[in-house]
PDB file of N, CA and C in Angstrom:
ATOM      1  N   UNK A   1       0.848  -1.186   0.000  1.00  0.00           N
ATOM      2  CA  UNK A   1       0.000   0.000   0.000  1.00  0.00           C
ATOM      3  C   UNK A   1       0.886   1.239   0.000  1.00  0.00           C
ATOM      4  N   UNK A   2       0.529   2.197  -0.815  1.00  0.00           N
ATOM      5  CA  UNK A   2       1.322   3.414  -0.908  1.00  0.00           C
ATOM      6  C   UNK A   2       1.138   4.278   0.320  1.00  0.00           C
ATOM      7  N   UNK A   3       2.206   4.945   0.671  1.00  0.00           N
ATOM      8  CA  UNK A   3       2.159   5.862   1.811  1.00  0.00           C
ATOM      9  C   UNK A   3       1.465   7.150   1.384  1.00  0.00           C
ATOM     10  N   UNK A   4       0.518   7.592   2.162  1.00  0.00           N
ATOM     11  CA  UNK A   4      -0.240   8.808   1.860  1.00  0.00           C
ATOM     12  C   UNK A   4       0.529  10.022   2.355  1.00  0.00           C
ATOM     13  N   UNK A   5       0.678  11.001   1.464  1.00  0.00           N
ATOM     14  CA  UNK A   5       1.321  12.259   1.871  1.00  0.00           C
ATOM     15  C   UNK A   5       0.270  13.158   2.520  1.00  0.00           C
ATOM     16  N   UNK A   6       0.443  13.517   3.780  1.00  0.00           N
ATOM     17  CA  UNK A   6      -0.573  14.320   4.462  1.00  0.00           C
ATOM     18  C   UNK A   6      -0.661  15.761   3.953  1.00  0.00           C
ATOM     19  N   UNK A   7       0.415  16.312   3.434  1.00  0.00           N
ATOM     20  CA  UNK A   7       0.417  17.707   2.980  1.00  0.00           C
ATOM     21  C   UNK A   7       0.811  17.762   1.508  1.00  0.00           C
ATOM     22  N   UNK A   8       0.138  18.611   0.725  1.00  0.00           N
ATOM     23  CA  UNK A   8       0.574  18.786  -0.665  1.00  0.00           C
ATOM     24  C   UNK A   8       1.937  19.493  -0.689  1.00  0.00           C
ATOM     25  N   UNK A   9       2.652  19.372  -1.791  1.00  0.00           N
ATOM     26  CA  UNK A   9       3.965  20.035  -1.889  1.00  0.00           C
ATOM     27  C   UNK A   9       3.791  21.545  -2.101  1.00  0.00           C
ATOM     28  N   UNK A  10       3.608  22.250  -0.994  1.00  0.00           N
ATOM     29  CA  UNK A  10       3.261  23.672  -1.070  1.00  0.00           C
ATOM     30  C   UNK A  10       4.295  24.508  -1.816  1.00  0.00           C
ATOM     31  N   UNK A  11       5.541  24.237  -1.570  1.00  0.00           N
ATOM     32  CA  UNK A  11       6.588  25.034  -2.225  1.00  0.00           C
ATOM     33  C   UNK A  11       6.479  24.893  -3.747  1.00  0.00           C
ATOM     34  N   UNK A  12       6.298  23.662  -4.203  1.00  0.00           N
ATOM     35  CA  UNK A  12       6.136  23.433  -5.641  1.00  0.00           C
ATOM     36  C   UNK A  12       4.879  24.122  -6.156  1.00  0.00           C
ATOM     37  N   UNK A  13       3.769  23.946  -5.453  1.00  0.00           N
ATOM     38  CA  UNK A  13       2.500  24.508  -5.917  1.00  0.00           C
ATOM     39  C   UNK A  13       2.532  26.030  -5.996  1.00  0.00           C
ATOM     40  N   UNK A  14       3.186  26.656  -5.036  1.00  0.00           N
ATOM     41  CA  UNK A  14       3.221  28.121  -5.020  1.00  0.00           C
ATOM     42  C   UNK A  14       4.136  28.704  -6.094  1.00  0.00           C
ATOM     43  N   UNK A  15       5.095  27.931  -6.558  1.00  0.00           N
ATOM     44  CA  UNK A  15       6.044  28.461  -7.545  1.00  0.00           C
ATOM     45  C   UNK A  15       5.844  27.870  -8.940  1.00  0.00           C
ATOM     46  N   UNK A  16       4.933  26.933  -9.098  1.00  0.00           N
ATOM     47  CA  UNK A  16       4.768  26.232 -10.378  1.00  0.00           C
ATOM     48  C   UNK A  16       4.063  27.105 -11.410  1.00  0.00           C
ATOM     49  N   UNK A  17       4.368  26.816 -12.662  1.00  0.00           N
ATOM     50  CA  UNK A  17       3.701  27.502 -13.773  1.00  0.00           C
ATOM     51  C   UNK A  17       2.279  26.947 -13.912  1.00  0.00           C
ATOM     52  N   UNK A  18       1.510  27.631 -14.751  1.00  0.00           N
ATOM     53  CA  UNK A  18       0.126  27.197 -15.009  1.00  0.00           C
ATOM     54  C   UNK A  18       0.105  25.783 -15.575  1.00  0.00           C
ATOM     55  N   UNK A  19       0.978  25.498 -16.541  1.00  0.00           N
ATOM     56  CA  UNK A  19       1.037  24.163 -17.137  1.00  0.00           C
ATOM     57  C   UNK A  19       1.396  23.101 -16.098  1.00  0.00           C
ATOM     58  N   UNK A  20       2.320  23.410 -15.245  1.00  0.00           N
ATOM     59  CA  UNK A  20       2.720  22.468 -14.199  1.00  0.00           C
ATOM     60  C   UNK A  20       1.570  22.223 -13.221  1.00  0.00           C
ATOM     61  N   UNK A  21       0.858  23.284 -12.874  1.00  0.00           N
ATOM     62  CA  UNK A  21      -0.290  23.127 -11.971  1.00  0.00           C
ATOM     63  C   UNK A  21      -1.388  22.288 -12.626  1.00  0.00           C
ATOM     64  N   UNK A  22      -1.623  22.526 -13.919  1.00  0.00           N
ATOM     65  CA  UNK A  22      -2.624  21.727 -14.629  1.00  0.00           C
ATOM     66  C   UNK A  22      -2.207  20.254 -14.686  1.00  0.00           C
ATOM     67  N   UNK A  23      -0.934  20.032 -14.926  1.00  0.00           N
ATOM     68  CA  UNK A  23      -0.430  18.661 -14.959  1.00  0.00           C
ATOM     69  C   UNK A  23      -0.562  18.012 -13.576  1.00  0.00           C
ATOM     70  N   UNK A  24      -0.218  18.748 -12.546  1.00  0.00           N
ATOM     71  CA  UNK A  24      -0.343  18.241 -11.179  1.00  0.00           C
ATOM     72  C   UNK A  24      -1.815  17.930 -10.866  1.00  0.00           C
ATOM     73  N   UNK A  25      -2.689  18.832 -11.254  1.00  0.00           N
ATOM     74  CA  UNK A  25      -4.120  18.624 -11.022  1.00  0.00           C
ATOM     75  C   UNK A  25      -4.596  17.339 -11.704  1.00  0.00           C
ATOM     76  N   UNK A  26      -4.221  17.158 -12.962  1.00  0.00           N
ATOM     77  CA  UNK A  26      -4.644  15.967 -13.697  1.00  0.00           C
ATOM     78  C   UNK A  26      -4.101  14.685 -13.078  1.00  0.00           C
ATOM     79  N   UNK A  27      -2.853  14.708 -12.609  1.00  0.00           N
ATOM     80  CA  UNK A  27      -2.311  13.501 -11.972  1.00  0.00           C
ATOM     81  C   UNK A  27      -3.022  13.194 -10.661  1.00  0.00           C
ATOM     82  N   UNK A  28      -3.375  14.233  -9.908  1.00  0.00           N
ATOM     83  CA  UNK A  28      -4.096  14.012  -8.638  1.00  0.00           C
ATOM     84  C   UNK A  28      -5.507  13.478  -8.919  1.00  0.00           C
ATOM     85  N   UNK A  29      -6.171  14.044  -9.937  1.00  0.00           N
ATOM     86  CA  UNK A  29      -7.508  13.558 -10.289  1.00  0.00           C
ATOM     87  C   UNK A  29      -7.461  12.121 -10.791  1.00  0.00           C
ATOM     88  N   UNK A  30      -6.432  11.792 -11.554  1.00  0.00           N
ATOM     89  CA  UNK A  30      -6.263  10.426 -12.036  1.00  0.00           C
ATOM     90  C   UNK A  30      -6.036   9.471 -10.871  1.00  0.00           C
ATOM     91  N   UNK A  31      -5.198   9.882  -9.946  1.00  0.00           N
ATOM     92  CA  UNK A  31      -4.937   9.055  -8.770  1.00  0.00           C
ATOM     93  C   UNK A  31      -6.203   8.892  -7.931  1.00  0.00           C
ATOM     94  N   UNK A  32      -6.948   9.958  -7.770  1.00  0.00           N
ATOM     95  CA  UNK A  32      -8.211   9.894  -7.013  1.00  0.00           C
ATOM     96  C   UNK A  32      -9.196   8.943  -7.693  1.00  0.00           C
ATOM     97  N   UNK A  33      -9.241   8.986  -9.026  1.00  0.00           N
ATOM     98  CA  UNK A  33     -10.125   8.095  -9.776  1.00  0.00           C
ATOM     99  C   UNK A  33      -9.713   6.635  -9.587  1.00  0.00           C
ATOM    100  N   UNK A  34      -8.425   6.382  -9.612  1.00  0.00           N
ATOM    101  CA  UNK A  34      -7.933   5.019  -9.390  1.00  0.00           C
ATOM    102  C   UNK A  34      -8.290   4.532  -7.988  1.00  0.00           C
ATOM    103  N   UNK A  35      -8.125   5.398  -7.010  1.00  0.00           N
ATOM    104  CA  UNK A  35      -8.483   5.028  -5.634  1.00  0.00           C
ATOM    105  C   UNK A  35      -9.969   4.728  -5.510  1.00  0.00           C
ATOM    106  N   UNK A  36     -10.776   5.538  -6.196  1.00  0.00           N
ATOM    107  CA  UNK A  36     -12.223   5.316  -6.150  1.00  0.00           C
ATOM    108  C   UNK A  36     -12.578   3.955  -6.745  1.00  0.00           C
ATOM    109  N   UNK A  37     -11.935   3.585  -7.841  1.00  0.00           N
ATOM    110  CA  UNK A  37     -12.173   2.271  -8.441  1.00  0.00           C
ATOM    111  C   UNK A  37     -11.772   1.157  -7.483  1.00  0.00           C
ATOM    112  N   UNK A  38     -10.623   1.312  -6.829  1.00  0.00           N
ATOM    113  CA  UNK A  38     -10.174   0.310  -5.859  1.00  0.00           C
ATOM    114  C   UNK A  38     -11.160   0.199  -4.698  1.00  0.00           C
ATOM    115  N   UNK A  39     -11.630   1.343  -4.228  1.00  0.00           N
ATOM    116  CA  UNK A  39     -12.588   1.348  -3.119  1.00  0.00           C
ATOM    117  C   UNK A  39     -13.876   0.654  -3.530  1.00  0.00           C
ATOM    118  N   UNK A  40     -14.325   0.910  -4.763  1.00  0.00           N
ATOM    119  CA  UNK A  40     -15.554   0.287  -5.254  1.00  0.00           C
ATOM    120  C   UNK A  40     -15.407  -1.230  -5.289  1.00  0.00           C
ATOM    121  N   UNK A  41     -14.267  -1.711  -5.783  1.00  0.00           N
ATOM    122  CA  UNK A  41     -14.018  -3.160  -5.820  1.00  0.00           C
ATOM    123  C   UNK A  41     -14.000  -3.722  -4.405  1.00  0.00           C
ATOM    124  N   UNK A  42     -13.316  -3.035  -3.499  1.00  0.00           N
ATOM    125  CA  UNK A  42     -13.253  -3.496  -2.107  1.00  0.00           C
ATOM    126  C   UNK A  42     -14.628  -3.482  -1.442  1.00  0.00           C
ATOM    127  N   UNK A  43     -15.413  -2.450  -1.699  1.00  0.00           N
ATOM    128  CA  UNK A  43     -16.760  -2.381  -1.120  1.00  0.00           C
ATOM    129  C   UNK A  43     -17.632  -3.516  -1.638  1.00  0.00           C
ATOM    130  N   UNK A  44     -17.540  -3.811  -2.928  1.00  0.00           N
ATOM    131  CA  UNK A  44     -18.301  -4.927  -3.500  1.00  0.00           C
ATOM    132  C   UNK A  44     -17.888  -6.244  -2.857  1.00  0.00           C
ATOM    133  N   UNK A  45     -16.593  -6.451  -2.695  1.00  0.00           N
ATOM    134  CA  UNK A  45     -16.106  -7.675  -2.049  1.00  0.00           C
ATOM    135  C   UNK A  45     -16.572  -7.746  -0.604  1.00  0.00           C
ATOM    136  N   UNK A  46     -16.512  -6.618   0.094  1.00  0.00           N
ATOM    137  CA  UNK A  46     -16.940  -6.564   1.490  1.00  0.00           C
ATOM    138  C   UNK A  46     -18.421  -6.904   1.613  1.00  0.00           C
ATOM    139  N   UNK A  47     -19.231  -6.337   0.723  1.00  0.00           N
ATOM    140  CA  UNK A  47     -20.666  -6.626   0.751  1.00  0.00           C
ATOM    141  C   UNK A  47     -20.949  -8.097   0.461  1.00  0.00           C
ATOM    142  N   UNK A  48     -20.247  -8.675  -0.511  1.00  0.00           N
ATOM    143  CA  UNK A  48     -20.437 -10.086  -0.830  1.00  0.00           C
ATOM    144  C   UNK A  48     -20.047 -10.978   0.347  1.00  0.00           C
ATOM    145  N   UNK A  49     -18.925 -10.672   0.984  1.00  0.00           N
ATOM    146  CA  UNK A  49     -18.468 -11.473   2.118  1.00  0.00           C
ATOM    147  C   UNK A  49     -19.435 -11.362   3.296  1.00  0.00           C
ATOM    148  N   UNK A  50     -19.905 -10.153   3.579  1.00  0.00           N
ATOM    149  CA  UNK A  50     -20.859  -9.979   4.677  1.00  0.00           C
ATOM    150  C   UNK A  50     -22.188 -10.652   4.375  1.00  0.00           C
ATOM    151  N   UNK A  51     -22.609 -10.600   3.119  1.00  0.00           N
ATOM    152  CA  UNK A  51     -23.849 -11.272   2.739  1.00  0.00           C
ATOM    153  C   UNK A  51     -23.724 -12.782   2.919  1.00  0.00           C
ATOM    154  N   UNK A  52     -22.600 -13.338   2.485  1.00  0.00           N
ATOM    155  CA  UNK A  52     -22.381 -14.778   2.644  1.00  0.00           C
ATOM    156  C   UNK A  52     -22.344 -15.155   4.121  1.00  0.00           C
ATOM    157  N   UNK A  53     -21.707 -14.347   4.929  1.00  0.00           N
ATOM    158  CA  UNK A  53     -21.649 -14.619   6.371  1.00  0.00           C
ATOM    159  C   UNK A  53     -23.039 -14.515   7.001  1.00  0.00           C
ATOM    160  N   UNK A  54     -23.842 -13.564   6.560  1.00  0.00           N
ATOM    161  CA  UNK A  54     -25.195 -13.400   7.083  1.00  0.00           C
ATOM    162  C   UNK A  54     -26.067 -14.588   6.733  1.00  0.00           C
ATOM    163  N   UNK A  55     -25.947 -15.087   5.512  1.00  0.00           N
ATOM    164  CA  UNK A  55     -26.700 -16.271   5.113  1.00  0.00           C
ATOM    165  C   UNK A  55     -26.275 -17.465   5.961  1.00  0.00           C
ATOM    166  N   UNK A  56     -24.970 -17.620   6.166  1.00  0.00           N
ATOM    167  CA  UNK A  56     -24.472 -18.723   6.998  1.00  0.00           C
ATOM    168  C   UNK A  56     -25.012 -18.607   8.423  1.00  0.00           C
ATOM    169  N   UNK A  57     -25.031 -17.390   8.985  1.00  0.00           N
ATOM    170  CA  UNK A  57     -25.544 -17.191  10.346  1.00  0.00           C
ATOM    171  C   UNK A  57     -27.024 -17.540  10.401  1.00  0.00           C
ATOM    172  N   UNK A  58     -27.784 -17.125   9.387  1.00  0.00           N
ATOM    173  CA  UNK A  58     -29.212 -17.413   9.343  1.00  0.00           C
ATOM    174  C   UNK A  58     -29.432 -18.917   9.299  1.00  0.00           C
ATOM    175  N   UNK A  59     -28.660 -19.623   8.482  1.00  0.00           N
ATOM    176  CA  UNK A  59     -28.795 -21.078   8.395  1.00  0.00           C
ATOM    177  C   UNK A  59     -28.429 -21.746   9.719  1.00  0.00           C
ATOM    178  N   UNK A  60     -27.390 -21.241  10.376  1.00  0.00           N
ATOM    179  CA  UNK A  60     -27.014 -21.774  11.692  1.00  0.00           C
ATOM    180  C   UNK A  60     -28.168 -21.624  12.663  1.00  0.00           C
ATOM    181  N   UNK A  61     -28.774 -20.441  12.693  1.00  0.00           N
ATOM    182  CA  UNK A  61     -29.875 -20.186  13.625  1.00  0.00           C
ATOM    183  C   UNK A  61     -31.102 -21.030  13.298  1.00  0.00           C
ATOM    184  N   UNK A  62     -31.317 -21.308  12.003  1.00  0.00           N
ATOM    185  CA  UNK A  62     -32.463 -22.132  11.624  1.00  0.00           C
ATOM    186  C   UNK A  62     -32.281 -23.579  12.048  1.00  0.00           C
ATOM    187  N   UNK A  63     -31.065 -24.038  12.178  1.00  0.00           N
ATOM    188  CA  UNK A  63     -30.790 -25.421  12.548  1.00  0.00           C
ATOM    189  C   UNK A  63     -30.709 -25.632  14.054  1.00  0.00           C
ATOM    190  N   UNK A  64     -30.687 -24.542  14.825  1.00  0.00           N
ATOM    191  CA  UNK A  64     -30.628 -24.674  16.280  1.00  0.00           C
ATOM    192  C   UNK A  64     -31.972 -25.169  16.805  1.00  0.00           C
ATOM    193  N   UNK A  65     -31.971 -25.797  17.990  1.00  0.00           N
ATOM    194  CA  UNK A  65     -33.235 -26.237  18.584  1.00  0.00           C
ATOM    195  C   UNK A  65     -34.174 -25.052  18.810  1.00  0.00           C
ATOM    196  N   UNK A  66     -35.471 -25.361  18.970  1.00  0.00           N
ATOM    197  CA  UNK A  66     -36.464 -24.303  19.141  1.00  0.00           C
ATOM    198  C   UNK A  66     -36.055 -23.356  20.258  1.00  0.00           C
ATOM    199  N   UNK A  67     -36.433 -22.140  20.087  1.00  0.00           N
ATOM    200  CA  UNK A  67     -36.024 -21.093  21.016  1.00  0.00           C
ATOM    201  C   UNK A  67     -35.183 -20.066  20.290  1.00  0.00           C
ATOM    202  N   UNK A  68     -34.329 -20.516  19.393  1.00  0.00           N
ATOM    203  CA  UNK A  68     -33.512 -19.590  18.611  1.00  0.00           C
ATOM    204  C   UNK A  68     -33.919 -19.567  17.156  1.00  0.00           C
ATOM    205  N   UNK A  69     -34.439 -20.647  16.664  1.00  0.00           N
ATOM    206  CA  UNK A  69     -34.825 -20.709  15.265  1.00  0.00           C
ATOM    207  C   UNK A  69     -35.828 -21.818  15.071  1.00  0.00           C
ATOM    208  N   UNK A  70     -36.367 -21.918  13.898  1.00  0.00           N
ATOM    209  CA  UNK A  70     -37.372 -22.933  13.614  1.00  0.00           C
ATOM    210  C   UNK A  70     -36.685 -24.239  13.266  1.00  0.00           C
ATOM    211  N   UNK A  71     -37.243 -25.325  13.772  1.00  0.00           N
ATOM    212  CA  UNK A  71     -36.720 -26.625  13.394  1.00  0.00           C
ATOM    213  C   UNK A  71     -37.242 -26.967  12.013  1.00  0.00           C
ATOM    214  N   UNK A  72     -36.433 -27.633  11.245  1.00  0.00           N
ATOM    215  CA  UNK A  72     -36.876 -28.056   9.925  1.00  0.00           C
ATOM    216  C   UNK A  72     -37.911 -29.156  10.092  1.00  0.00           C
ATOM    217  N   UNK A  73     -39.028 -29.084   9.349  1.00  0.00           N
ATOM    218  CA  UNK A  73     -40.043 -30.111   9.498  1.00  0.00           C
ATOM    219  C   UNK A  73     -39.528 -31.448   8.991  1.00  0.00           C
ATOM    220  N   UNK A  74     -39.984 -32.507   9.650  1.00  0.00           N
ATOM    221  CA  UNK A  74     -39.573 -33.834   9.190  1.00  0.00           C
ATOM    222  C   UNK A  74     -40.289 -34.128   7.883  1.00  0.00           C
ATOM    223  N   UNK A  75     -39.724 -35.001   7.049  1.00  0.00           N
ATOM    224  CA  UNK A  75     -40.339 -35.292   5.755  1.00  0.00           C
ATOM    225  C   UNK A  75     -41.745 -35.862   5.885  1.00  0.00           C
ATOM    226  N   UNK A  76     -42.095 -36.452   7.041  1.00  0.00           N
ATOM    227  CA  UNK A  76     -43.416 -37.039   7.219  1.00  0.00           C
ATOM    228  C   UNK A  76     -44.477 -35.978   7.491  1.00  0.00           C
ATOM    229  N   UNK A  77     -44.067 -34.772   7.914  1.00  0.00           N
ATOM    230  CA  UNK A  77     -45.027 -33.717   8.222  1.00  0.00           C
ATOM    231  C   UNK A  77     -45.529 -33.066   6.943  1.00  0.00           C
ATOM    232  N   UNK A  78     -46.835 -32.875   6.827  1.00  0.00           N
ATOM    233  CA  UNK A  78     -47.348 -32.196   5.633  1.00  0.00           C
ATOM    234  C   UNK A  78     -46.993 -30.720   5.669  1.00  0.00           C
ATOM    235  N   UNK A  79     -46.756 -30.157   4.496  1.00  0.00           N
ATOM    236  CA  UNK A  79     -46.380 -28.747   4.411  1.00  0.00           C
ATOM    237  C   UNK A  79     -47.588 -27.838   4.285  1.00  0.00           C
ATOM    238  N   UNK A  80     -48.688 -28.331   3.808  1.00  0.00           N
ATOM    239  CA  UNK A  80     -49.846 -27.479   3.559  1.00  0.00           C
ATOM    240  C   UNK A  80     -50.770 -27.399   4.747  1.00  0.00           C
ATOM    241  N   UNK A  81     -50.402 -26.687   5.786  1.00  0.00           N
ATOM    242  CA  UNK A  81     -51.234 -26.557   6.974  1.00  0.00           C
ATOM    243  C   UNK A  81     -51.677 -25.112   7.189  1.00  0.00           C
ATOM    244  N   UNK A  82     -51.925 -24.397   6.111  1.00  0.00           N
ATOM    245  CA  UNK A  82     -52.390 -23.015   6.233  1.00  0.00           C
ATOM    246  C   UNK A  82     -51.266 -22.018   6.391  1.00  0.00           C
ATOM    247  N   UNK A  83     -50.023 -22.444   6.290  1.00  0.00           N
ATOM    248  CA  UNK A  83     -48.900 -21.533   6.445  1.00  0.00           C
ATOM    249  C   UNK A  83     -48.609 -20.839   5.125  1.00  0.00           C
ATOM    250  N   UNK A  84     -48.041 -19.657   5.247  1.00  0.00           N
ATOM    251  CA  UNK A  84     -47.620 -18.925   4.060  1.00  0.00           C
ATOM    252  C   UNK A  84     -46.101 -18.983   3.975  1.00  0.00           C
ATOM    253  N   UNK A  85     -45.567 -18.522   2.849  1.00  0.00           N
ATOM    254  CA  UNK A  85     -44.113 -18.531   2.671  1.00  0.00           C
ATOM    255  C   UNK A  85     -43.424 -17.680   3.723  1.00  0.00           C
ATOM    256  N   UNK A  86     -44.056 -16.581   4.141  1.00  0.00           N
ATOM    257  CA  UNK A  86     -43.421 -15.719   5.138  1.00  0.00           C
ATOM    258  C   UNK A  86     -43.313 -16.397   6.495  1.00  0.00           C
ATOM    259  N   UNK A  87     -44.133 -17.421   6.738  1.00  0.00           N
ATOM    260  CA  UNK A  87     -44.013 -18.144   8.001  1.00  0.00           C
ATOM    261  C   UNK A  87     -42.679 -18.864   8.096  1.00  0.00           C
ATOM    262  N   UNK A  88     -42.101 -19.190   6.963  1.00  0.00           N
ATOM    263  CA  UNK A  88     -40.791 -19.825   6.971  1.00  0.00           C
ATOM    264  C   UNK A  88     -39.705 -18.867   7.444  1.00  0.00           C
ATOM    265  N   UNK A  89     -39.888 -17.586   7.196  1.00  0.00           N
ATOM    266  CA  UNK A  89     -38.890 -16.596   7.568  1.00  0.00           C
ATOM    267  C   UNK A  89     -39.165 -15.973   8.929  1.00  0.00           C
ATOM    268  N   UNK A  90     -40.405 -16.015   9.361  1.00  0.00           N
ATOM    269  CA  UNK A  90     -40.774 -15.456  10.653  1.00  0.00           C
ATOM    270  C   UNK A  90     -41.475 -16.540  11.475  1.00  0.00           C
ATOM    271  N   UNK A  91     -40.728 -17.590  11.877  1.00  0.00           N
ATOM    272  CA  UNK A  91     -41.361 -18.729  12.534  1.00  0.00           C
ATOM    273  C   UNK A  91     -41.946 -18.397  13.900  1.00  0.00           C
ATOM    274  N   UNK A  92     -41.486 -17.341  14.550  1.00  0.00           N
ATOM    275  CA  UNK A  92     -41.982 -17.009  15.880  1.00  0.00           C
ATOM    276  C   UNK A  92     -43.357 -16.357  15.843  1.00  0.00           C
ATOM    277  N   UNK A  93     -43.760 -15.846  14.684  1.00  0.00           N
ATOM    278  CA  UNK A  93     -45.068 -15.200  14.593  1.00  0.00           C
ATOM    279  C   UNK A  93     -46.072 -16.230  14.089  1.00  0.00           C
ATOM    280  N   UNK A  94     -46.711 -16.900  15.028  1.00  0.00           N
ATOM    281  CA  UNK A  94     -47.682 -17.932  14.688  1.00  0.00           C
ATOM    282  C   UNK A  94     -48.962 -17.256  14.257  1.00  0.00           C
ATOM    283  N   UNK A  95     -49.482 -17.682  13.110  1.00  0.00           N
ATOM    284  CA  UNK A  95     -50.694 -17.071  12.576  1.00  0.00           C
ATOM    285  C   UNK A  95     -51.860 -18.031  12.697  1.00  0.00           C
ATOM    286  N   UNK A  96     -53.024 -17.470  12.948  1.00  0.00           N
ATOM    287  CA  UNK A  96     -54.253 -18.232  12.919  1.00  0.00           C
ATOM    288  C   UNK A  96     -54.761 -18.177  11.488  1.00  0.00           C
ATOM    289  N   UNK A  97     -54.848 -19.318  10.767  1.00  0.00           N
ATOM    290  CA  UNK A  97     -55.245 -19.265   9.359  1.00  0.00           C
ATOM    291  C   UNK A  97     -56.653 -18.742   9.147  1.00  0.00           C
ATOM    292  N   UNK A  98     -57.513 -18.734  10.193  1.00  0.00           N
ATOM    293  CA  UNK A  98     -58.890 -18.280  10.053  1.00  0.00           C
ATOM    294  C   UNK A  98     -59.098 -16.852  10.556  1.00  0.00           C
ATOM    295  N   UNK A  99     -58.022 -16.197  11.016  1.00  0.00           N
ATOM    296  CA  UNK A  99     -58.146 -14.925  11.704  1.00  0.00           C
ATOM    297  C   UNK A  99     -58.713 -13.801  10.840  1.00  0.00           C
ATOM    298  N   UNK A 100     -58.280 -13.625   9.621  1.00  0.00           N
ATOM    299  CA  UNK A 100     -58.720 -12.497   8.792  1.00  0.00           C
ATOM    300  C   UNK A 100     -59.826 -12.878   7.825  1.00  0.00           C
ATOM    301  N   UNK A 101     -60.484 -13.972   8.069  1.00  0.00           N
ATOM    302  CA  UNK A 101     -61.565 -14.382   7.182  1.00  0.00           C
ATOM    303  C   UNK A 101     -62.892 -13.995   7.800  1.00  0.00           C
ATOM    304  N   UNK A 102     -63.823 -13.597   6.932  1.00  0.00           N
ATOM    305  CA  UNK A 102     -65.175 -13.265   7.421  1.00  0.00           C
ATOM    306  C   UNK A 102     -65.959 -14.538   7.641  1.00  0.00           C
ATOM    307  N   UNK A 103     -66.821 -14.495   8.644  1.00  0.00           N
ATOM    308  CA  UNK A 103     -67.677 -15.638   8.924  1.00  0.00           C
ATOM    309  C   UNK A 103     -68.900 -15.557   8.029  1.00  0.00           C
ATOM    310  N   UNK A 104     -69.191 -16.640   7.318  1.00  0.00           N
ATOM    311  CA  UNK A 104     -70.301 -16.635   6.375  1.00  0.00           C
ATOM    312  C   UNK A 104     -71.621 -16.898   7.060  1.00  0.00           C
TER     313      UNK A 104
END
């Protein structure tokens, strides 16, 4: 990793010609653009790694005994018991399948 210079070269900047200042400006902007690209790549990698870790944590919690996550149903248990797909993600919120239906 390159060492960051905390102060610009003031002596050079104060005595430089217009062309030299323009050249210096362009090199600094180019360097800033390169850093931005590197940061973008690193941020994308960071997001991917955190997402993968979050999925792994969620799966760990789903496999824990009741209290921390939902147990996976055994293959003998029927899946169609009035549950919705969101019940799989929010197992602690037990819904009454007849609750929002009008009585005929």
